[in-house]
Amino acid sequence: MPERVFHFISGLPRAGSTLTSAILRQNPRFHAGMSSPVAPLFDHLIAQVSAGSELSTMVSEPQRARLLRGLFDSYYADHEQPVIFDTNRAWTAQLPALMRLFPDAKIICCVRDVAWVMDSLERQYRNNAFEHTRLFNNPAERATVYTRVEALANANRLVGFAWHALREACYSEYAERVLLLEYDLLTVRPAEVFKLVYDFLGEAPFAHEFGKVEYDAPEFDAQLGMDGLHRVRPQVKPLARQTILPPDLFKRYAQLAFWRDLKDSKAFRIVQQASAEKQSETMPEPAQAIAPAATS
């Protein structure tokens, strides 16, 4: 049996990673899903054999690599697909280790205007008004929309950590393995976007059904106190709506889409560029964006 291929899905929360996985899994060659436990297990294993641990001198570097690779092989042993996509927001902060284990791996990073990420999370919070979601640690954090958004934006919390780790990956020595995939373009032009995704992965094209996409994880969402967090609508299409964030809060976080004008980076991009006059629709070379028409 040929060796399995591992790729990764990461990026910002509420930016289309579950949708991307739901589409990819239509291809019988691929397995993809929501966030797996492999990333935290990966980090814990490294911690157990690192300097300061009594085990550090007992496990050589080649043994560490085999143990880490074994996590993936063991976790996905029940899946027959030759190409595995593991999803976790932490992978963008683990590229040096990942790329040593999987030299040919690619990482799809889903992105979305941070203001709309915050809007989406706030909607989820309000839709579960009779639940104290585990997204917040105490009553002070969940008190108002301002404290909720500020808590999520903290550098070591859900949105802030993902944003910083993503920016790190875009300027790392492995940036050419990174594909930034913008949610708004995916929902408007899914067939064109996925053709480019397949080109980036080096995979043969596949005829996806963008009107029959399925994914839900009700048990996982229930233990977070966020019903519907990973539920994907069957039709891939844009959803027009007004933000529920106060105008000042929305404006503050709308300015953080650094990938729209990403300079001095080798990352590939399927994104809207900062200015309409610079738009193009070709497969990118490093540091050149794919920017279809704006989706207002």
Protein backbone atom coordinates (compact mmCIF):
# COMPACT_ATOMS: atom_id res chain seq x y z
CA MET A 1 0.00 0.00 0.00
CA PRO A 2 1.47 3.42 -0.95
CA GLU A 3 2.31 5.78 1.88
CA ARG A 4 -0.49 8.04 2.95
CA VAL A 5 -0.44 11.75 2.11
CA PHE A 6 -1.21 14.17 4.91
CA HIS A 7 -2.33 17.76 4.39
CA PHE A 8 -3.69 20.24 6.91
CA ILE A 9 -6.53 22.75 7.31
CA SER A 10 -6.08 25.69 9.65
CA GLY A 11 -6.64 29.45 9.80
CA LEU A 12 -9.27 31.54 11.54
CA PRO A 13 -12.39 30.24 13.30
CA ARG A 14 -15.74 30.76 11.57
CA ALA A 15 -13.89 31.20 8.28
CA GLY A 16 -14.96 28.11 6.37
CA SER A 17 -12.72 25.30 7.60
CA THR A 18 -15.66 22.98 8.30
CA LEU A 19 -17.23 23.92 4.96
CA THR A 20 -13.92 23.28 3.17
CA SER A 21 -13.66 19.87 4.85
CA ALA A 22 -17.26 19.02 3.98
CA ILE A 23 -16.56 19.75 0.31
CA LEU A 24 -13.23 17.91 0.22
CA ARG A 25 -14.70 14.76 1.75
CA GLN A 26 -16.98 14.37 -1.28
CA ASN A 27 -13.86 13.16 -3.10
CA PRO A 28 -13.46 9.43 -2.32
CA ARG A 29 -9.67 9.89 -2.22
CA PHE A 30 -9.93 12.34 0.67
CA HIS A 31 -10.79 12.22 4.34
CA ALA A 32 -11.45 15.55 6.06
CA GLY A 33 -13.43 16.64 9.09
CA MET A 34 -13.75 19.22 11.84
CA SER A 35 -10.93 19.90 14.31
CA SER A 36 -9.27 16.69 15.45
CA PRO A 37 -7.44 16.00 18.75
CA VAL A 38 -4.17 15.24 16.95
CA ALA A 39 -2.72 18.76 17.32
CA PRO A 40 -3.02 18.97 21.14
CA LEU A 41 -1.76 15.38 21.45
CA PHE A 42 1.14 16.35 19.19
CA ASP A 43 2.07 19.29 21.41
CA HIS A 44 1.69 17.29 24.64
CA LEU A 45 3.94 14.53 23.34
CA ILE A 46 6.68 17.02 22.47
CA ALA A 47 6.35 18.54 25.95
CA GLN A 48 6.76 15.14 27.59
CA VAL A 49 10.15 14.51 25.94
CA SER A 50 11.51 18.07 25.95
CA ALA A 51 14.29 19.52 28.11
CA GLY A 52 13.34 19.53 31.76
CA SER A 53 11.39 16.30 31.50
CA GLU A 54 12.86 13.13 33.00
CA LEU A 55 12.10 11.45 29.67
CA SER A 56 14.08 13.91 27.55
CA THR A 57 17.33 11.89 27.56
CA MET A 58 15.51 8.62 26.94
CA VAL A 59 13.93 9.54 23.59
CA SER A 60 16.18 10.42 20.67
CA GLU A 61 15.20 12.81 17.91
CA PRO A 62 14.51 9.99 15.39
CA GLN A 63 12.35 8.29 18.04
CA ARG A 64 10.48 11.54 18.62
CA ALA A 65 9.75 11.83 14.92
CA ARG A 66 8.45 8.24 14.80
CA LEU A 67 6.26 8.78 17.85
CA LEU A 68 4.80 11.97 16.39
CA ARG A 69 4.17 10.35 13.02
CA GLY A 70 2.60 7.44 14.89
CA LEU A 71 -0.05 9.76 16.30
CA PHE A 72 -1.33 10.41 12.79
CA ASP A 73 -1.07 6.79 11.66
CA SER A 74 -2.89 5.54 14.76
CA TYR A 75 -5.62 8.16 14.79
CA TYR A 76 -6.46 7.67 11.10
CA ALA A 77 -5.89 3.89 10.98
CA ASP A 78 -9.62 3.23 10.45
CA HIS A 79 -9.79 5.45 7.35
CA GLU A 80 -8.94 3.94 3.97
CA GLN A 81 -8.56 7.16 1.98
CA PRO A 82 -5.02 7.78 0.70
CA VAL A 83 -5.17 11.55 1.38
CA ILE A 84 -5.91 12.83 4.87
CA PHE A 85 -6.67 16.44 5.83
CA ASP A 86 -6.26 17.07 9.56
CA THR A 87 -7.88 20.25 10.83
CA ASN A 88 -6.76 22.41 13.73
CA ARG A 89 -6.10 26.12 14.22
CA ALA A 90 -2.86 25.28 16.04
CA TRP A 91 -1.12 23.80 12.99
CA THR A 92 -0.02 27.23 11.71
CA ALA A 93 2.10 27.54 14.85
CA GLN A 94 3.64 24.09 14.38
CA LEU A 95 4.96 24.31 10.82
CA PRO A 96 8.65 23.58 11.57
CA ALA A 97 7.75 20.26 13.21
CA LEU A 98 4.98 19.39 10.72
CA MET A 99 7.11 19.99 7.66
CA ARG A 100 9.94 17.85 9.00
CA LEU A 101 7.49 14.98 9.44
CA PHE A 102 5.61 15.57 6.18
CA PRO A 103 7.95 17.29 3.69
CA ASP A 104 5.31 17.35 0.93
CA ALA A 105 2.39 18.51 3.05
CA LYS A 106 0.32 21.58 2.20
CA ILE A 107 -1.78 23.65 4.59
CA ILE A 108 -5.04 25.32 3.59
CA CYS A 109 -5.68 28.34 5.82
CA CYS A 110 -9.24 29.60 5.82
CA VAL A 111 -9.58 33.34 6.32
CA ARG A 112 -12.39 35.85 6.69
CA ASP A 113 -12.65 39.49 7.72
CA VAL A 114 -12.07 39.39 11.48
CA ALA A 115 -15.08 41.65 12.03
CA TRP A 116 -17.30 39.00 10.42
CA VAL A 117 -15.60 36.25 12.41
CA MET A 118 -16.52 38.13 15.58
CA ASP A 119 -20.03 38.75 14.23
CA SER A 120 -20.48 35.03 13.55
CA LEU A 121 -19.32 34.04 17.04
CA GLU A 122 -21.56 36.65 18.63
CA ARG A 123 -24.52 35.27 16.64
CA GLN A 124 -23.75 31.78 17.92
CA TYR A 125 -23.63 33.14 21.46
CA ARG A 126 -27.00 34.88 21.12
CA ASN A 127 -28.57 31.86 19.43
CA ASN A 128 -27.73 29.89 22.57
CA ALA A 129 -29.05 32.49 25.01
CA PHE A 130 -29.97 29.91 27.66
CA GLU A 131 -26.45 28.46 27.74
CA HIS A 132 -23.19 29.68 29.26
CA THR A 133 -20.91 28.61 26.45
CA ARG A 134 -17.42 27.38 27.28
CA LEU A 135 -15.95 30.02 24.98
CA PHE A 136 -15.79 32.35 27.97
CA ASN A 137 -14.09 31.69 31.28
CA ASN A 138 -16.13 33.79 33.69
CA PRO A 139 -19.14 36.13 34.00
CA ALA A 140 -16.98 39.21 33.46
CA GLU A 141 -15.91 37.98 30.01
CA ARG A 142 -19.43 37.16 28.87
CA ALA A 143 -20.99 40.30 30.37
CA THR A 144 -21.38 42.39 27.16
CA VAL A 145 -20.61 42.17 23.48
CA TYR A 146 -17.54 44.33 24.13
CA THR A 147 -16.11 42.05 26.81
CA ARG A 148 -16.94 38.96 24.75
CA VAL A 149 -15.18 40.23 21.64
CA GLU A 150 -12.21 41.49 23.64
CA ALA A 151 -11.83 38.10 25.32
CA LEU A 152 -11.92 36.24 22.00
CA ALA A 153 -9.35 38.65 20.51
CA ASN A 154 -6.80 38.02 23.25
CA ALA A 155 -3.52 36.67 21.87
CA ASN A 156 -3.97 33.29 23.53
CA ARG A 157 -7.70 32.87 22.90
CA LEU A 158 -9.89 31.58 20.08
CA VAL A 159 -9.55 34.37 17.51
CA GLY A 160 -6.41 36.16 18.67
CA PHE A 161 -4.28 33.02 18.79
CA ALA A 162 -5.45 31.87 15.36
CA TRP A 163 -4.78 35.31 13.83
CA HIS A 164 -1.24 35.52 15.24
CA ALA A 165 -0.39 31.93 14.30
CA LEU A 166 -1.68 32.52 10.77
CA ARG A 167 0.43 35.63 10.35
CA GLU A 168 3.47 33.70 11.62
CA ALA A 169 2.88 30.98 9.00
CA CYS A 170 2.58 33.50 6.18
CA TYR A 171 6.05 34.89 6.92
CA SER A 172 7.72 31.61 7.83
CA GLU A 173 10.26 29.69 5.77
CA TYR A 174 7.41 27.31 4.89
CA ALA A 175 5.07 29.98 3.52
CA GLU A 176 5.12 28.43 0.04
CA ARG A 177 3.21 25.48 1.54
CA VAL A 178 0.44 27.81 2.75
CA LEU A 179 -2.73 28.59 0.80
CA LEU A 180 -4.93 31.41 2.12
CA LEU A 181 -8.53 30.66 1.17
CA GLU A 182 -11.02 33.47 1.71
CA TYR A 183 -14.49 32.45 2.85
CA ASP A 184 -16.40 35.07 0.87
CA LEU A 185 -14.87 33.93 -2.43
CA LEU A 186 -15.51 30.29 -1.61
CA THR A 187 -19.23 30.92 -1.07
CA VAL A 188 -19.62 32.99 -4.25
CA ARG A 189 -17.50 31.00 -6.72
CA PRO A 190 -16.92 27.55 -5.21
CA ALA A 191 -16.20 25.69 -8.46
CA GLU A 192 -13.50 28.14 -9.55
CA VAL A 193 -12.01 28.32 -6.07
CA PHE A 194 -11.79 24.55 -5.73
CA LYS A 195 -10.13 24.20 -9.11
CA LEU A 196 -7.38 26.43 -7.74
CA VAL A 197 -7.28 24.46 -4.48
CA TYR A 198 -6.72 21.26 -6.44
CA ASP A 199 -3.98 22.92 -8.47
CA PHE A 200 -2.27 23.95 -5.24
CA LEU A 201 -2.53 20.43 -3.83
CA GLY A 202 -1.34 18.80 -7.06
CA GLU A 203 -4.45 16.63 -7.20
CA ALA A 204 -6.53 15.65 -10.22
CA PRO A 205 -9.76 17.69 -10.56
CA PHE A 206 -12.96 16.33 -9.04
CA ALA A 207 -16.58 17.25 -9.80
CA HIS A 208 -17.89 18.43 -6.43
CA GLU A 209 -21.60 18.92 -5.76
CA PHE A 210 -21.81 22.35 -4.19
CA GLY A 211 -25.56 22.04 -3.70
CA LYS A 212 -25.31 18.85 -1.62
CA VAL A 213 -22.76 19.59 1.08
CA GLU A 214 -23.25 17.82 4.40
CA TYR A 215 -21.62 18.19 7.81
CA ASP A 216 -22.80 18.44 11.40
CA ALA A 217 -21.31 17.64 14.81
CA PRO A 218 -24.18 18.09 17.30
CA GLU A 219 -22.59 16.16 20.19
CA PHE A 220 -19.34 18.12 20.02
CA ASP A 221 -21.19 21.44 19.72
CA ALA A 222 -23.43 20.53 22.68
CA GLN A 223 -20.48 20.01 25.00
CA LEU A 224 -19.26 23.50 24.03
CA GLY A 225 -22.69 24.97 24.66
CA MET A 226 -22.82 26.21 21.05
CA ASP A 227 -25.49 24.32 19.12
CA GLY A 228 -24.95 24.51 15.35
CA LEU A 229 -21.33 25.68 15.56
CA HIS A 230 -20.16 23.06 13.02
CA ARG A 231 -23.40 22.69 11.05
CA VAL A 232 -22.90 23.29 7.32
CA ARG A 233 -25.71 24.46 5.06
CA PRO A 234 -26.24 22.09 2.10
CA GLN A 235 -26.00 24.85 -0.53
CA VAL A 236 -22.70 26.71 -0.91
CA LYS A 237 -23.81 30.29 -1.45
CA PRO A 238 -23.30 33.73 0.10
CA LEU A 239 -25.63 34.85 2.86
CA ALA A 240 -26.34 38.57 2.85
CA ARG A 241 -26.89 40.09 6.28
CA GLN A 242 -26.24 43.11 8.46
CA THR A 243 -23.77 42.86 11.30
CA ILE A 244 -25.10 42.61 14.84
CA LEU A 245 -21.94 44.16 16.28
CA PRO A 246 -21.95 47.82 17.35
CA PRO A 247 -20.50 49.98 14.52
CA ASP A 248 -17.37 50.98 16.44
CA LEU A 249 -16.57 47.37 17.29
CA PHE A 250 -17.11 46.17 13.72
CA LYS A 251 -14.91 48.95 12.33
CA ARG A 252 -12.08 48.14 14.75
CA TYR A 253 -11.84 44.49 13.67
CA ALA A 254 -12.55 45.10 9.97
CA GLN A 255 -9.01 46.46 9.61
CA LEU A 256 -7.18 43.20 10.41
CA ALA A 257 -7.37 41.38 7.06
CA PHE A 258 -3.61 41.51 6.45
CA TRP A 259 -3.82 38.81 3.75
CA ARG A 260 -5.53 41.25 1.36
CA ASP A 261 -2.25 43.06 0.80
CA LEU A 262 0.32 40.50 1.85
CA LYS A 263 3.82 41.73 1.04
CA ASP A 264 7.12 39.88 1.31
CA SER A 265 5.40 36.53 1.74
CA LYS A 266 5.57 33.39 -0.41
CA ALA A 267 2.12 32.23 0.61
CA PHE A 268 -0.39 31.45 -2.12
CA ARG A 269 -3.70 33.26 -1.93
CA ILE A 270 -7.27 32.93 -3.11
CA VAL A 271 -8.39 36.26 -1.70
CA GLN A 272 -9.78 39.64 -2.58
CA GLN A 273 -7.03 42.16 -3.08
CA ALA A 274 -6.97 45.47 -1.27
CA SER A 275 -7.84 47.49 -4.39
CA ALA A 276 -10.13 46.49 -7.24
CA GLU A 277 -7.83 47.75 -9.98
CA LYS A 278 -5.21 45.12 -9.07
CA GLN A 279 -7.52 42.14 -9.53
CA SER A 280 -6.58 39.07 -11.56
CA GLU A 281 -7.99 35.57 -12.01
CA THR A 282 -4.97 33.36 -12.59
CA MET A 283 -3.29 30.71 -10.49
CA PRO A 284 -0.83 32.63 -8.32
CA GLU A 285 2.86 32.59 -8.19
CA PRO A 286 4.20 33.07 -4.66
CA ALA A 287 3.25 36.47 -3.20
CA GLN A 288 0.68 37.12 -5.96
CA ALA A 289 -3.01 37.04 -5.11
CA ILE A 290 -5.89 35.42 -6.92
CA ALA A 291 -8.53 38.09 -6.60
CA PRO A 292 -11.85 37.52 -8.40
CA ALA A 293 -14.39 40.30 -8.52
CA ALA A 294 -15.36 41.74 -5.16
CA THR A 295 -18.34 40.08 -3.51
CA SER A 296 -20.34 42.94 -2.14
